[in-house]
Amino acid sequence: MGSRGSSRRVLEPAQKPQMFTTKQISDAVAAAQTSRQVVPSSSGGWAVKAPGARRAISRHATQREAEERAKEIVGKLGGGEVRIHGRDGRIRDADTVPPGNDPHPPRDHRH
């Protein structure tokens, strides 16, 4: 039998897990529950989705219709963020629906 060299792995010390406060967690959960996205639909037209969702909440022929529906939904949830994606999938616009707290309020008055 031939001798094999022993291969020892050096284990790095475990990284300390990042700790979050209860408020940070509840704020993140609330933001995810009250934000919606307007995205191109795979079947054509536009879809309103919750972040990370596979299925659309609603489908619309135009982006404007989808944006109006998304704002209506977010408004009924108590306010939040609506992100509008372009055909390329990149976010092209975002709007805070009252009473959401926009840390960087828009200077334009398109919405």
PDB file of N, CA and C in Angstrom:
ATOM      1  N   MET A   1       0.827  -1.161   0.000  1.00  0.00           N
ATOM      2  CA  MET A   1       0.000   0.000   0.000  1.00  0.00           C
ATOM      3  C   MET A   1       0.878   1.232   0.000  1.00  0.00           C
ATOM      4  N   GLY A   2       0.503   2.158  -0.870  1.00  0.00           N
ATOM      5  CA  GLY A   2       1.253   3.409  -0.923  1.00  0.00           C
ATOM      6  C   GLY A   2       0.740   4.370   0.132  1.00  0.00           C
ATOM      7  N   SER A   3       1.623   5.194   0.570  1.00  0.00           N
ATOM      8  CA  SER A   3       1.179   6.156   1.575  1.00  0.00           C
ATOM      9  C   SER A   3       0.634   7.404   0.872  1.00  0.00           C
ATOM     10  N   ARG A   4      -0.437   7.861   1.394  1.00  0.00           N
ATOM     11  CA  ARG A   4      -1.038   9.067   0.842  1.00  0.00           C
ATOM     12  C   ARG A   4      -0.678  10.235   1.750  1.00  0.00           C
ATOM     13  N   GLY A   5      -0.484  11.379   1.108  1.00  0.00           N
ATOM     14  CA  GLY A   5      -0.221  12.573   1.910  1.00  0.00           C
ATOM     15  C   GLY A   5      -1.515  12.996   2.594  1.00  0.00           C
ATOM     16  N   SER A   6      -1.391  13.405   3.798  1.00  0.00           N
ATOM     17  CA  SER A   6      -2.599  13.814   4.503  1.00  0.00           C
ATOM     18  C   SER A   6      -2.985  15.215   4.023  1.00  0.00           C
ATOM     19  N   SER A   7      -4.231  15.356   3.713  1.00  0.00           N
ATOM     20  CA  SER A   7      -4.705  16.672   3.287  1.00  0.00           C
ATOM     21  C   SER A   7      -5.541  17.258   4.417  1.00  0.00           C
ATOM     22  N   ARG A   8      -5.047  18.289   4.974  1.00  0.00           N
ATOM     23  CA  ARG A   8      -5.745  18.935   6.067  1.00  0.00           C
ATOM     24  C   ARG A   8      -6.319  20.256   5.567  1.00  0.00           C
ATOM     25  N   ARG A   9      -7.560  20.452   5.905  1.00  0.00           N
ATOM     26  CA  ARG A   9      -8.184  21.717   5.549  1.00  0.00           C
ATOM     27  C   ARG A   9      -8.078  22.653   6.731  1.00  0.00           C
ATOM     28  N   VAL A  10      -7.787  23.866   6.418  1.00  0.00           N
ATOM     29  CA  VAL A  10      -7.725  24.878   7.463  1.00  0.00           C
ATOM     30  C   VAL A  10      -9.094  25.538   7.513  1.00  0.00           C
ATOM     31  N   LEU A  11      -9.721  25.473   8.646  1.00  0.00           N
ATOM     32  CA  LEU A  11     -11.034  26.074   8.809  1.00  0.00           C
ATOM     33  C   LEU A  11     -10.881  27.501   9.301  1.00  0.00           C
ATOM     34  N   GLU A  12     -11.566  28.388   8.626  1.00  0.00           N
ATOM     35  CA  GLU A  12     -11.558  29.791   9.019  1.00  0.00           C
ATOM     36  C   GLU A  12     -12.501  29.958  10.206  1.00  0.00           C
ATOM     37  N   PRO A  13     -12.210  30.913  11.054  1.00  0.00           N
ATOM     38  CA  PRO A  13     -13.133  31.152  12.162  1.00  0.00           C
ATOM     39  C   PRO A  13     -14.500  31.570  11.606  1.00  0.00           C
ATOM     40  N   ALA A  14     -15.541  31.138  12.255  1.00  0.00           N
ATOM     41  CA  ALA A  14     -16.900  31.442  11.805  1.00  0.00           C
ATOM     42  C   ALA A  14     -17.140  32.946  11.881  1.00  0.00           C
ATOM     43  N   GLN A  15     -17.791  33.444  10.845  1.00  0.00           N
ATOM     44  CA  GLN A  15     -18.117  34.862  10.852  1.00  0.00           C
ATOM     45  C   GLN A  15     -19.289  35.096  11.795  1.00  0.00           C
ATOM     46  N   LYS A  16     -19.213  36.213  12.454  1.00  0.00           N
ATOM     47  CA  LYS A  16     -20.285  36.567  13.364  1.00  0.00           C
ATOM     48  C   LYS A  16     -21.510  36.946  12.529  1.00  0.00           C
ATOM     49  N   PRO A  17     -22.666  36.353  12.814  1.00  0.00           N
ATOM     50  CA  PRO A  17     -23.849  36.693  12.024  1.00  0.00           C
ATOM     51  C   PRO A  17     -24.247  38.147  12.251  1.00  0.00           C
ATOM     52  N   GLN A  18     -24.758  38.772  11.186  1.00  0.00           N
ATOM     53  CA  GLN A  18     -25.197  40.150  11.298  1.00  0.00           C
ATOM     54  C   GLN A  18     -26.489  40.185  12.097  1.00  0.00           C
ATOM     55  N   MET A  19     -26.542  41.064  13.043  1.00  0.00           N
ATOM     56  CA  MET A  19     -27.716  41.162  13.902  1.00  0.00           C
ATOM     57  C   MET A  19     -28.578  42.338  13.448  1.00  0.00           C
ATOM     58  N   PHE A  20     -29.873  42.149  13.465  1.00  0.00           N
ATOM     59  CA  PHE A  20     -30.824  43.189  13.111  1.00  0.00           C
ATOM     60  C   PHE A  20     -31.717  43.466  14.307  1.00  0.00           C
ATOM     61  N   THR A  21     -32.150  44.705  14.413  1.00  0.00           N
ATOM     62  CA  THR A  21     -33.079  45.037  15.472  1.00  0.00           C
ATOM     63  C   THR A  21     -34.483  44.608  15.050  1.00  0.00           C
ATOM     64  N   THR A  22     -35.363  44.480  15.991  1.00  0.00           N
ATOM     65  CA  THR A  22     -36.746  44.111  15.699  1.00  0.00           C
ATOM     66  C   THR A  22     -37.388  45.150  14.784  1.00  0.00           C
ATOM     67  N   LYS A  23     -37.080  46.419  15.004  1.00  0.00           N
ATOM     68  CA  LYS A  23     -37.630  47.481  14.160  1.00  0.00           C
ATOM     69  C   LYS A  23     -37.142  47.351  12.726  1.00  0.00           C
ATOM     70  N   GLN A  24     -35.858  47.046  12.517  1.00  0.00           N
ATOM     71  CA  GLN A  24     -35.327  46.883  11.163  1.00  0.00           C
ATOM     72  C   GLN A  24     -36.028  45.727  10.450  1.00  0.00           C
ATOM     73  N   ILE A  25     -36.260  44.657  11.157  1.00  0.00           N
ATOM     74  CA  ILE A  25     -36.928  43.502  10.562  1.00  0.00           C
ATOM     75  C   ILE A  25     -38.371  43.839  10.227  1.00  0.00           C
ATOM     76  N   SER A  26     -39.082  44.462  11.156  1.00  0.00           N
ATOM     77  CA  SER A  26     -40.485  44.786  10.896  1.00  0.00           C
ATOM     78  C   SER A  26     -40.612  45.816   9.781  1.00  0.00           C
ATOM     79  N   ASP A  27     -39.676  46.777   9.687  1.00  0.00           N
ATOM     80  CA  ASP A  27     -39.704  47.755   8.601  1.00  0.00           C
ATOM     81  C   ASP A  27     -39.476  47.084   7.253  1.00  0.00           C
ATOM     82  N   ALA A  28     -38.542  46.144   7.195  1.00  0.00           N
ATOM     83  CA  ALA A  28     -38.262  45.435   5.943  1.00  0.00           C
ATOM     84  C   ALA A  28     -39.458  44.590   5.507  1.00  0.00           C
ATOM     85  N   VAL A  29     -40.089  43.918   6.453  1.00  0.00           N
ATOM     86  CA  VAL A  29     -41.266  43.105   6.141  1.00  0.00           C
ATOM     87  C   VAL A  29     -42.411  43.992   5.675  1.00  0.00           C
ATOM     88  N   ALA A  30     -42.620  45.103   6.345  1.00  0.00           N
ATOM     89  CA  ALA A  30     -43.697  46.022   5.963  1.00  0.00           C
ATOM     90  C   ALA A  30     -43.455  46.588   4.569  1.00  0.00           C
ATOM     91  N   ALA A  31     -42.217  46.933   4.255  1.00  0.00           N
ATOM     92  CA  ALA A  31     -41.907  47.482   2.937  1.00  0.00           C
ATOM     93  C   ALA A  31     -42.160  46.453   1.847  1.00  0.00           C
ATOM     94  N   ALA A  32     -41.803  45.215   2.102  1.00  0.00           N
ATOM     95  CA  ALA A  32     -42.024  44.162   1.108  1.00  0.00           C
ATOM     96  C   ALA A  32     -43.511  43.901   0.916  1.00  0.00           C
ATOM     97  N   GLN A  33     -44.289  44.036   1.976  1.00  0.00           N
ATOM     98  CA  GLN A  33     -45.715  43.763   1.881  1.00  0.00           C
ATOM     99  C   GLN A  33     -46.471  44.899   1.210  1.00  0.00           C
ATOM    100  N   THR A  34     -45.928  46.112   1.210  1.00  0.00           N
ATOM    101  CA  THR A  34     -46.663  47.236   0.654  1.00  0.00           C
ATOM    102  C   THR A  34     -46.078  47.781  -0.635  1.00  0.00           C
ATOM    103  N   SER A  35     -45.050  47.149  -1.188  1.00  0.00           N
ATOM    104  CA  SER A  35     -44.526  47.629  -2.459  1.00  0.00           C
ATOM    105  C   SER A  35     -44.976  46.699  -3.589  1.00  0.00           C
ATOM    106  N   ARG A  36     -45.112  47.273  -4.766  1.00  0.00           N
ATOM    107  CA  ARG A  36     -45.513  46.515  -5.949  1.00  0.00           C
ATOM    108  C   ARG A  36     -44.651  46.938  -7.121  1.00  0.00           C
ATOM    109  N   GLN A  37     -44.548  46.051  -8.113  1.00  0.00           N
ATOM    110  CA  GLN A  37     -43.750  46.322  -9.298  1.00  0.00           C
ATOM    111  C   GLN A  37     -44.607  46.173 -10.539  1.00  0.00           C
ATOM    112  N   VAL A  38     -44.384  47.059 -11.512  1.00  0.00           N
ATOM    113  CA  VAL A  38     -45.021  46.958 -12.818  1.00  0.00           C
ATOM    114  C   VAL A  38     -43.947  46.432 -13.758  1.00  0.00           C
ATOM    115  N   VAL A  39     -44.176  45.239 -14.296  1.00  0.00           N
ATOM    116  CA  VAL A  39     -43.171  44.568 -15.119  1.00  0.00           C
ATOM    117  C   VAL A  39     -43.794  44.104 -16.438  1.00  0.00           C
ATOM    118  N   PRO A  40     -42.956  43.933 -17.482  1.00  0.00           N
ATOM    119  CA  PRO A  40     -43.488  43.393 -18.727  1.00  0.00           C
ATOM    120  C   PRO A  40     -43.987  41.966 -18.492  1.00  0.00           C
ATOM    121  N   SER A  41     -45.124  41.639 -19.066  1.00  0.00           N
ATOM    122  CA  SER A  41     -45.697  40.306 -18.902  1.00  0.00           C
ATOM    123  C   SER A  41     -45.154  39.382 -19.984  1.00  0.00           C
ATOM    124  N   SER A  42     -44.908  38.138 -19.635  1.00  0.00           N
ATOM    125  CA  SER A  42     -44.400  37.168 -20.611  1.00  0.00           C
ATOM    126  C   SER A  42     -45.431  36.872 -21.692  1.00  0.00           C
ATOM    127  N   SER A  43     -46.700  37.104 -21.399  1.00  0.00           N
ATOM    128  CA  SER A  43     -47.754  36.850 -22.384  1.00  0.00           C
ATOM    129  C   SER A  43     -48.138  38.122 -23.142  1.00  0.00           C
ATOM    130  N   GLY A  44     -47.352  39.175 -22.988  1.00  0.00           N
ATOM    131  CA  GLY A  44     -47.648  40.456 -23.627  1.00  0.00           C
ATOM    132  C   GLY A  44     -48.333  41.375 -22.652  1.00  0.00           C
ATOM    133  N   GLY A  45     -48.190  42.662 -22.858  1.00  0.00           N
ATOM    134  CA  GLY A  45     -48.783  43.624 -21.942  1.00  0.00           C
ATOM    135  C   GLY A  45     -47.920  43.810 -20.707  1.00  0.00           C
ATOM    136  N   TRP A  46     -48.588  44.189 -19.613  1.00  0.00           N
ATOM    137  CA  TRP A  46     -47.887  44.529 -18.374  1.00  0.00           C
ATOM    138  C   TRP A  46     -48.544  43.843 -17.193  1.00  0.00           C
ATOM    139  N   ALA A  47     -47.736  43.530 -16.178  1.00  0.00           N
ATOM    140  CA  ALA A  47     -48.230  42.832 -14.991  1.00  0.00           C
ATOM    141  C   ALA A  47     -47.851  43.603 -13.736  1.00  0.00           C
ATOM    142  N   VAL A  48     -48.707  43.505 -12.735  1.00  0.00           N
ATOM    143  CA  VAL A  48     -48.428  44.055 -11.402  1.00  0.00           C
ATOM    144  C   VAL A  48     -48.067  42.867 -10.524  1.00  0.00           C
ATOM    145  N   LYS A  49     -46.888  42.937  -9.881  1.00  0.00           N
ATOM    146  CA  LYS A  49     -46.416  41.849  -9.028  1.00  0.00           C
ATOM    147  C   LYS A  49     -45.913  42.387  -7.708  1.00  0.00           C
ATOM    148  N   ALA A  50     -45.951  41.543  -6.689  1.00  0.00           N
ATOM    149  CA  ALA A  50     -45.284  41.839  -5.427  1.00  0.00           C
ATOM    150  C   ALA A  50     -43.809  41.478  -5.614  1.00  0.00           C
ATOM    151  N   PRO A  51     -42.882  42.152  -4.943  1.00  0.00           N
ATOM    152  CA  PRO A  51     -41.466  41.828  -5.088  1.00  0.00           C
ATOM    153  C   PRO A  51     -41.190  40.351  -4.780  1.00  0.00           C
ATOM    154  N   GLY A  52     -40.498  39.679  -5.673  1.00  0.00           N
ATOM    155  CA  GLY A  52     -40.142  38.278  -5.489  1.00  0.00           C
ATOM    156  C   GLY A  52     -41.234  37.290  -5.846  1.00  0.00           C
ATOM    157  N   ALA A  53     -42.405  37.786  -6.231  1.00  0.00           N
ATOM    158  CA  ALA A  53     -43.524  36.888  -6.551  1.00  0.00           C
ATOM    159  C   ALA A  53     -43.358  36.298  -7.942  1.00  0.00           C
ATOM    160  N   ARG A  54     -43.827  35.079  -8.124  1.00  0.00           N
ATOM    161  CA  ARG A  54     -43.813  34.437  -9.439  1.00  0.00           C
ATOM    162  C   ARG A  54     -45.029  34.834 -10.252  1.00  0.00           C
ATOM    163  N   ARG A  55     -46.176  34.883  -9.582  1.00  0.00           N
ATOM    164  CA  ARG A  55     -47.430  35.157 -10.267  1.00  0.00           C
ATOM    165  C   ARG A  55     -47.813  36.627 -10.172  1.00  0.00           C
ATOM    166  N   ALA A  56     -48.475  37.089 -11.205  1.00  0.00           N
ATOM    167  CA  ALA A  56     -48.923  38.472 -11.234  1.00  0.00           C
ATOM    168  C   ALA A  56     -50.204  38.640 -10.425  1.00  0.00           C
ATOM    169  N   ILE A  57     -50.354  39.798  -9.830  1.00  0.00           N
ATOM    170  CA  ILE A  57     -51.581  40.149  -9.128  1.00  0.00           C
ATOM    171  C   ILE A  57     -52.642  40.503 -10.159  1.00  0.00           C
ATOM    172  N   SER A  58     -52.215  41.243 -11.199  1.00  0.00           N
ATOM    173  CA  SER A  58     -53.127  41.615 -12.276  1.00  0.00           C
ATOM    174  C   SER A  58     -52.323  41.839 -13.559  1.00  0.00           C
ATOM    175  N   ARG A  59     -53.013  41.722 -14.695  1.00  0.00           N
ATOM    176  CA  ARG A  59     -52.389  41.932 -16.004  1.00  0.00           C
ATOM    177  C   ARG A  59     -53.160  43.016 -16.739  1.00  0.00           C
ATOM    178  N   HIS A  60     -52.416  43.817 -17.544  1.00  0.00           N
ATOM    179  CA  HIS A  60     -53.025  44.961 -18.219  1.00  0.00           C
ATOM    180  C   HIS A  60     -52.432  45.107 -19.613  1.00  0.00           C
ATOM    181  N   ALA A  61     -53.217  45.726 -20.497  1.00  0.00           N
ATOM    182  CA  ALA A  61     -52.775  45.930 -21.875  1.00  0.00           C
ATOM    183  C   ALA A  61     -51.692  47.001 -21.962  1.00  0.00           C
ATOM    184  N   THR A  62     -51.796  48.033 -21.126  1.00  0.00           N
ATOM    185  CA  THR A  62     -50.814  49.126 -21.175  1.00  0.00           C
ATOM    186  C   THR A  62     -50.097  49.281 -19.844  1.00  0.00           C
ATOM    187  N   GLN A  63     -48.920  49.885 -19.930  1.00  0.00           N
ATOM    188  CA  GLN A  63     -48.135  50.129 -18.730  1.00  0.00           C
ATOM    189  C   GLN A  63     -48.855  51.133 -17.824  1.00  0.00           C
ATOM    190  N   ARG A  64     -49.487  52.125 -18.416  1.00  0.00           N
ATOM    191  CA  ARG A  64     -50.204  53.131 -17.629  1.00  0.00           C
ATOM    192  C   ARG A  64     -51.317  52.492 -16.801  1.00  0.00           C
ATOM    193  N   GLU A  65     -52.080  51.567 -17.394  1.00  0.00           N
ATOM    194  CA  GLU A  65     -53.141  50.870 -16.655  1.00  0.00           C
ATOM    195  C   GLU A  65     -52.561  50.071 -15.496  1.00  0.00           C
ATOM    196  N   ALA A  66     -51.448  49.384 -15.766  1.00  0.00           N
ATOM    197  CA  ALA A  66     -50.801  48.579 -14.723  1.00  0.00           C
ATOM    198  C   ALA A  66     -50.283  49.472 -13.597  1.00  0.00           C
ATOM    199  N   GLU A  67     -49.714  50.618 -13.958  1.00  0.00           N
ATOM    200  CA  GLU A  67     -49.198  51.550 -12.947  1.00  0.00           C
ATOM    201  C   GLU A  67     -50.340  52.088 -12.083  1.00  0.00           C
ATOM    202  N   GLU A  68     -51.459  52.444 -12.690  1.00  0.00           N
ATOM    203  CA  GLU A  68     -52.605  52.941 -11.929  1.00  0.00           C
ATOM    204  C   GLU A  68     -53.130  51.877 -10.971  1.00  0.00           C
ATOM    205  N   ARG A  69     -53.198  50.627 -11.431  1.00  0.00           N
ATOM    206  CA  ARG A  69     -53.675  49.538 -10.580  1.00  0.00           C
ATOM    207  C   ARG A  69     -52.704  49.285  -9.427  1.00  0.00           C
ATOM    208  N   ALA A  70     -51.404  49.320  -9.718  1.00  0.00           N
ATOM    209  CA  ALA A  70     -50.393  49.108  -8.671  1.00  0.00           C
ATOM    210  C   ALA A  70     -50.510  50.181  -7.595  1.00  0.00           C
ATOM    211  N   LYS A  71     -50.708  51.432  -7.994  1.00  0.00           N
ATOM    212  CA  LYS A  71     -50.848  52.522  -7.033  1.00  0.00           C
ATOM    213  C   LYS A  71     -52.130  52.370  -6.221  1.00  0.00           C
ATOM    214  N   GLU A  72     -53.181  51.897  -6.858  1.00  0.00           N
ATOM    215  CA  GLU A  72     -54.438  51.653  -6.149  1.00  0.00           C
ATOM    216  C   GLU A  72     -54.245  50.579  -5.074  1.00  0.00           C
ATOM    217  N   ILE A  73     -53.566  49.495  -5.439  1.00  0.00           N
ATOM    218  CA  ILE A  73     -53.318  48.390  -4.499  1.00  0.00           C
ATOM    219  C   ILE A  73     -52.475  48.872  -3.326  1.00  0.00           C
ATOM    220  N   VAL A  74     -51.379  49.570  -3.620  1.00  0.00           N
ATOM    221  CA  VAL A  74     -50.478  50.048  -2.571  1.00  0.00           C
ATOM    222  C   VAL A  74     -51.196  51.054  -1.669  1.00  0.00           C
ATOM    223  N   GLY A  75     -52.036  51.900  -2.248  1.00  0.00           N
ATOM    224  CA  GLY A  75     -52.797  52.858  -1.455  1.00  0.00           C
ATOM    225  C   GLY A  75     -53.725  52.166  -0.481  1.00  0.00           C
ATOM    226  N   LYS A  76     -54.371  51.084  -0.928  1.00  0.00           N
ATOM    227  CA  LYS A  76     -55.276  50.334  -0.044  1.00  0.00           C
ATOM    228  C   LYS A  76     -54.520  49.604   1.055  1.00  0.00           C
ATOM    229  N   LEU A  77     -53.234  49.319   0.814  1.00  0.00           N
ATOM    230  CA  LEU A  77     -52.407  48.647   1.818  1.00  0.00           C
ATOM    231  C   LEU A  77     -51.813  49.629   2.828  1.00  0.00           C
ATOM    232  N   GLY A  78     -52.104  50.910   2.659  1.00  0.00           N
ATOM    233  CA  GLY A  78     -51.602  51.902   3.600  1.00  0.00           C
ATOM    234  C   GLY A  78     -50.424  52.694   3.084  1.00  0.00           C
ATOM    235  N   GLY A  79     -50.151  52.611   1.797  1.00  0.00           N
ATOM    236  CA  GLY A  79     -49.050  53.370   1.198  1.00  0.00           C
ATOM    237  C   GLY A  79     -47.804  52.522   1.052  1.00  0.00           C
ATOM    238  N   GLY A  80     -46.949  52.938   0.161  1.00  0.00           N
ATOM    239  CA  GLY A  80     -45.704  52.217  -0.079  1.00  0.00           C
ATOM    240  C   GLY A  80     -45.091  52.629  -1.400  1.00  0.00           C
ATOM    241  N   GLU A  81     -44.269  51.771  -1.957  1.00  0.00           N
ATOM    242  CA  GLU A  81     -43.479  52.068  -3.147  1.00  0.00           C
ATOM    243  C   GLU A  81     -43.997  51.301  -4.357  1.00  0.00           C
ATOM    244  N   VAL A  82     -44.097  51.994  -5.499  1.00  0.00           N
ATOM    245  CA  VAL A  82     -44.421  51.355  -6.783  1.00  0.00           C
ATOM    246  C   VAL A  82     -43.220  51.559  -7.689  1.00  0.00           C
ATOM    247  N   ARG A  83     -42.666  50.470  -8.198  1.00  0.00           N
ATOM    248  CA  ARG A  83     -41.521  50.535  -9.112  1.00  0.00           C
ATOM    249  C   ARG A  83     -41.991  50.136 -10.502  1.00  0.00           C
ATOM    250  N   ILE A  84     -41.692  50.980 -11.483  1.00  0.00           N
ATOM    251  CA  ILE A  84     -42.104  50.724 -12.854  1.00  0.00           C
ATOM    252  C   ILE A  84     -40.876  50.315 -13.651  1.00  0.00           C
ATOM    253  N   HIS A  85     -40.938  49.121 -14.224  1.00  0.00           N
ATOM    254  CA  HIS A  85     -39.837  48.598 -15.032  1.00  0.00           C
ATOM    255  C   HIS A  85     -40.094  48.899 -16.498  1.00  0.00           C
ATOM    256  N   GLY A  86     -39.029  49.034 -17.264  1.00  0.00           N
ATOM    257  CA  GLY A  86     -39.143  49.201 -18.704  1.00  0.00           C
ATOM    258  C   GLY A  86     -39.181  47.838 -19.383  1.00  0.00           C
ATOM    259  N   ARG A  87     -39.307  47.823 -20.709  1.00  0.00           N
ATOM    260  CA  ARG A  87     -39.326  46.563 -21.466  1.00  0.00           C
ATOM    261  C   ARG A  87     -38.039  45.763 -21.258  1.00  0.00           C
ATOM    262  N   ASP A  88     -36.931  46.464 -20.972  1.00  0.00           N
ATOM    263  CA  ASP A  88     -35.649  45.781 -20.760  1.00  0.00           C
ATOM    264  C   ASP A  88     -35.533  45.186 -19.358  1.00  0.00           C
ATOM    265  N   GLY A  89     -36.553  45.395 -18.519  1.00  0.00           N
ATOM    266  CA  GLY A  89     -36.554  44.835 -17.169  1.00  0.00           C
ATOM    267  C   GLY A  89     -35.929  45.723 -16.117  1.00  0.00           C
ATOM    268  N   ARG A  90     -35.273  46.801 -16.539  1.00  0.00           N
ATOM    269  CA  ARG A  90     -34.646  47.707 -15.572  1.00  0.00           C
ATOM    270  C   ARG A  90     -35.669  48.691 -15.031  1.00  0.00           C
ATOM    271  N   ILE A  91     -35.480  49.095 -13.774  1.00  0.00           N
ATOM    272  CA  ILE A  91     -36.384  50.060 -13.160  1.00  0.00           C
ATOM    273  C   ILE A  91     -36.185  51.401 -13.858  1.00  0.00           C
ATOM    274  N   ARG A  92     -37.274  51.937 -14.386  1.00  0.00           N
ATOM    275  CA  ARG A  92     -37.185  53.228 -15.069  1.00  0.00           C
ATOM    276  C   ARG A  92     -37.805  54.358 -14.258  1.00  0.00           C
ATOM    277  N   ASP A  93     -38.635  54.005 -13.277  1.00  0.00           N
ATOM    278  CA  ASP A  93     -39.276  55.019 -12.449  1.00  0.00           C
ATOM    279  C   ASP A  93     -39.766  54.370 -11.159  1.00  0.00           C
ATOM    280  N   ALA A  94     -39.912  55.161 -10.134  1.00  0.00           N
ATOM    281  CA  ALA A  94     -40.457  54.684  -8.861  1.00  0.00           C
ATOM    282  C   ALA A  94     -41.258  55.818  -8.250  1.00  0.00           C
ATOM    283  N   ASP A  95     -42.290  55.455  -7.537  1.00  0.00           N
ATOM    284  CA  ASP A  95     -43.143  56.467  -6.924  1.00  0.00           C
ATOM    285  C   ASP A  95     -43.616  55.971  -5.568  1.00  0.00           C
ATOM    286  N   THR A  96     -43.613  56.865  -4.594  1.00  0.00           N
ATOM    287  CA  THR A  96     -44.127  56.544  -3.271  1.00  0.00           C
ATOM    288  C   THR A  96     -45.590  56.959  -3.219  1.00  0.00           C
ATOM    289  N   VAL A  97     -46.430  56.027  -2.803  1.00  0.00           N
ATOM    290  CA  VAL A  97     -47.860  56.290  -2.677  1.00  0.00           C
ATOM    291  C   VAL A  97     -48.132  56.632  -1.219  1.00  0.00           C
ATOM    292  N   PRO A  98     -48.806  57.765  -0.933  1.00  0.00           N
ATOM    293  CA  PRO A  98     -49.071  58.147   0.454  1.00  0.00           C
ATOM    294  C   PRO A  98     -49.844  57.071   1.186  1.00  0.00           C
ATOM    295  N   PRO A  99     -49.687  56.909   2.466  1.00  0.00           N
ATOM    296  CA  PRO A  99     -48.846  57.647   3.380  1.00  0.00           C
ATOM    297  C   PRO A  99     -47.446  57.066   3.510  1.00  0.00           C
ATOM    298  N   GLY A 100     -46.919  56.433   2.486  1.00  0.00           N
ATOM    299  CA  GLY A 100     -45.554  55.914   2.520  1.00  0.00           C
ATOM    300  C   GLY A 100     -44.551  57.014   2.812  1.00  0.00           C
ATOM    301  N   ASN A 101     -43.406  56.670   3.351  1.00  0.00           N
ATOM    302  CA  ASN A 101     -42.380  57.634   3.717  1.00  0.00           C
ATOM    303  C   ASN A 101     -41.265  57.566   2.688  1.00  0.00           C
ATOM    304  N   ASP A 102     -41.214  58.544   1.795  1.00  0.00           N
ATOM    305  CA  ASP A 102     -40.196  58.577   0.744  1.00  0.00           C
ATOM    306  C   ASP A 102     -38.967  59.299   1.279  1.00  0.00           C
ATOM    307  N   PRO A 103     -37.833  58.600   1.432  1.00  0.00           N
ATOM    308  CA  PRO A 103     -36.639  59.253   1.965  1.00  0.00           C
ATOM    309  C   PRO A 103     -36.068  60.286   0.986  1.00  0.00           C
ATOM    310  N   HIS A 104     -36.390  60.159  -0.299  1.00  0.00           N
ATOM    311  CA  HIS A 104     -35.925  61.093  -1.327  1.00  0.00           C
ATOM    312  C   HIS A 104     -37.127  61.504  -2.167  1.00  0.00           C
ATOM    313  N   PRO A 105     -37.947  62.428  -1.683  1.00  0.00           N
ATOM    314  CA  PRO A 105     -39.166  62.773  -2.410  1.00  0.00           C
ATOM    315  C   PRO A 105     -38.839  63.328  -3.791  1.00  0.00           C
ATOM    316  N   PRO A 106     -39.672  63.049  -4.791  1.00  0.00           N
ATOM    317  CA  PRO A 106     -39.402  63.521  -6.141  1.00  0.00           C
ATOM    318  C   PRO A 106     -39.558  65.031  -6.247  1.00  0.00           C
ATOM    319  N   ARG A 107     -38.770  65.610  -7.118  1.00  0.00           N
ATOM    320  CA  ARG A 107     -38.883  67.045  -7.371  1.00  0.00           C
ATOM    321  C   ARG A 107     -39.842  67.296  -8.514  1.00  0.00           C
ATOM    322  N   ASP A 108     -40.075  66.262  -9.303  1.00  0.00           N
ATOM    323  CA  ASP A 108     -41.000  66.435 -10.421  1.00  0.00           C
ATOM    324  C   ASP A 108     -42.438  66.262  -9.944  1.00  0.00           C
ATOM    325  N   HIS A 109     -43.367  66.622 -10.778  1.00  0.00           N
ATOM    326  CA  HIS A 109     -44.772  66.525 -10.418  1.00  0.00           C
ATOM    327  C   HIS A 109     -45.519  65.683 -11.442  1.00  0.00           C
ATOM    328  N   ARG A 110     -44.847  64.669 -12.001  1.00  0.00           N
ATOM    329  CA  ARG A 110     -45.473  63.789 -12.990  1.00  0.00           C
ATOM    330  C   ARG A 110     -46.473  62.866 -12.348  1.00  0.00           C
ATOM    331  N   HIS A 111     -46.331  62.592 -11.055  1.00  0.00           N
ATOM    332  CA  HIS A 111     -47.153  61.566 -10.404  1.00  0.00           C
ATOM    333  C   HIS A 111     -48.208  62.182  -9.540  1.00  0.00           C
TER     334      HIS A 111
END
